[in-house]
Each structure stands twice: as structure tokens, then as C-alpha cells.
Amino acid sequence: MTTDTSKLLHDLRSKCSSLKSAAELYKDCSAAEKKEMLALMKAAAADIANLLGRIETGA
């Protein structure tokens, strides 16, 4: 495994952990906070998809 792949996997674990934490907190948020939380979760999910693509292609 290359250093780049190791960094990508580290970043992936971090993003997944953040997304999981946000999902757990979501139920206790106000309506306004839920809107913000969803935006953050969507951004994290997009980052996860990007990281997976980079890992898949070896980039």
C-alpha cells in the first residue's frame, strides 16, 4: 500500500466517522440545525464518494 493510499484511507475513515457522528446527533437537532446538519452530511457523503473513487483508480 502506498503512502498516498494510506492517506486516502485515513481521510476516508475520518469522513465516515464524522458522518456517523452527525447522523447520531441529527435526531436531537432543531429544524434549523437539521437543515445545516443535512448540508454537512451531504458534503461529507460527497467527499466519501470522491475518496472512494480516488482509491479505486489509485489516484
Protein backbone atom coordinates (compact mmCIF):
# COMPACT_ATOMS: atom_id res chain seq x y z
CA MET A 1 0.00 0.00 0.00
CA THR A 2 1.41 3.38 -0.97
CA THR A 3 1.65 6.40 1.28
CA ASP A 4 -0.98 8.12 -0.88
CA THR A 5 -3.39 5.22 -0.43
CA SER A 6 -2.76 5.20 3.31
CA LYS A 7 -3.59 8.92 3.46
CA LEU A 8 -6.73 8.41 1.40
CA LEU A 9 -7.85 5.58 3.70
CA HIS A 10 -7.15 7.74 6.74
CA ASP A 11 -9.22 10.55 5.23
CA LEU A 12 -11.98 8.07 4.39
CA ARG A 13 -12.12 6.76 7.96
CA SER A 14 -12.26 10.32 9.27
CA LYS A 15 -15.09 11.35 6.93
CA CYS A 16 -17.06 8.19 7.71
CA SER A 17 -16.66 8.81 11.43
CA SER A 18 -17.83 12.41 11.04
CA LEU A 19 -20.84 11.33 9.01
CA LYS A 20 -21.76 8.69 11.59
CA SER A 21 -21.50 11.22 14.42
CA ALA A 22 -23.64 13.73 12.54
CA ALA A 23 -26.29 11.08 11.88
CA GLU A 24 -26.41 10.22 15.58
CA LEU A 25 -26.80 13.89 16.56
CA TYR A 26 -29.39 14.66 13.87
CA LYS A 27 -32.42 13.45 15.83
CA ASP A 28 -31.74 15.92 18.66
CA CYS A 29 -31.37 18.98 16.42
CA SER A 30 -33.86 21.77 15.93
CA ALA A 31 -35.41 22.22 12.49
CA ALA A 32 -32.85 24.88 11.55
CA GLU A 33 -29.98 22.76 12.85
CA LYS A 34 -31.29 19.74 10.93
CA LYS A 35 -31.09 21.74 7.70
CA GLU A 36 -27.47 22.67 8.44
CA MET A 37 -26.66 19.14 9.57
CA LEU A 38 -28.08 17.68 6.34
CA ALA A 39 -25.93 20.04 4.29
CA LEU A 40 -22.85 18.95 6.24
CA MET A 41 -23.76 15.28 5.89
CA LYS A 42 -24.30 15.66 2.13
CA ALA A 43 -20.90 17.33 1.79
CA ALA A 44 -19.27 14.54 3.81
CA ALA A 45 -21.01 11.91 1.67
CA ALA A 46 -19.75 13.63 -1.50
CA ASP A 47 -16.23 13.67 -0.05
CA ILE A 48 -16.55 9.97 0.79
CA ALA A 49 -17.65 9.16 -2.76
CA ASN A 50 -14.72 11.18 -4.12
CA LEU A 51 -12.24 9.42 -1.84
CA LEU A 52 -13.61 6.00 -2.83
CA GLY A 53 -13.20 6.89 -6.49
CA ARG A 54 -9.62 8.01 -5.90
CA ILE A 55 -8.85 4.81 -4.02
CA GLU A 56 -10.45 2.72 -6.77
CA THR A 57 -8.40 4.39 -9.50
CA GLY A 58 -5.24 4.51 -7.45
CA ALA A 59 -5.08 8.29 -7.72
